[in-house]
Amino acid sequence: MLVLFETPAGFALFKVLDEGKLSSVEDLWKDFASSDKARKVVELKAFNKFENTSDALSAATLLIDSKPSKGLRKFLQKHCDGETLAVADSKLGNAIKEKLQIDCLHNSAVMELMRGLRNQLTELMSGLAEHDLGPMSLGLSHSLSRYKLKFSPEKVDTMIIQAIGLLDDLDKELNTYAMRVREWYGWHFPELTKIVADNIHYAKAVKMMGNRVNAVNLDFSEQKKWKQS
């Protein structure tokens, strides 16, 4: 199985080395906790670099409509013969299947895999440094925003809807991390979950305490400051 991953610099294809890992979605994040672990799950097979910002913008605008660009189609035809392709967008997968007859996969395991790849991207791709990726992403975002405003003035509300959707996704992500903190620290100090209900206050209490034996020496009246901050 191959994984199609979009970056501000171009399209990457990763080979899944151990497809059995995808059967345990809840534990998949552990395999991307470090770059060494991630390299045992995936490896970079090919990379199709954008020639310039215009090329990146053209590909990105087509992806918004779940359409593969000409360059992406050629890239996939060259490297995906006989392979199943994991994609982040099910509609894009349908378009690739229709145009290129490449079987595509999109499910919760694939999305968790994408999240792991994003977390270790610069470690898995030699020559793509994190300090280079940030400006590329920012530049492409600005170009894409200008494109949307210029060519779709009647759909400005779509940007607001997308922003609200992003906030919802972030809220879900934060809740997931908060539950993981409670689960992990709960093995060490299970009573704290009942004592502190608010997730933010819980995380701050854990950071403040460290080991539970330190609780007796701490002044938790500082919670008033947490509420104000």
Foldseek 3Di string as FASTA:
>chain_A
DWEWAQALFFIWIKDFQDCVLLVDQVCNLVQLPDLVSVVNGIATDDTDTQPDLVSSLVQVVCVVVLEGDPSRLVVCLVPVVPHEYEYADVSVQVNCCVPPVHHYDYDSSSVSVNVSCVVCVPVRDPPDDPVNRVVSVVVSVVVNVVVCCVPPVVCPVVVVVVVVVVVVVVVVVVVVVLVVVLVVCCVQPVVVCVVDPDSVLSVVVCVVQVHPVSVVVDDPVCVVVVVVD
